[in-house]
Amino acid sequence: MEVLVPYIIPIFLAVFCGGLLLSAWLYIRLRMRWHEKGILNFNYDGHDPKQNPERKTILDYYRQEREYDRRMKEQK
């Protein structure tokens, strides 16, 4: 057992670094696949009009509220 002690840390580091490299590679492949499918093509407010044009975000509601307030001020 005492013969294996100097090998424990290098083996642990090799497995850890290999896992990091593998996970980074898989993550990059996943992001590239998402980009090809158009999942990552969002507008600045997080709304993707190609996938769901009727979905409103919080910024859409703020925009409507500002327009409503502006119209009410113009009527007065």
Foldseek 3Di string as FASTA:
>chain_A
DVVCVVVPVVVVVVVVVVVVVVVVVVVVVVVVVCVVVVVPVADPQRDDCVVPVPDDDPVVVVVVVVVVVVVVVVVD
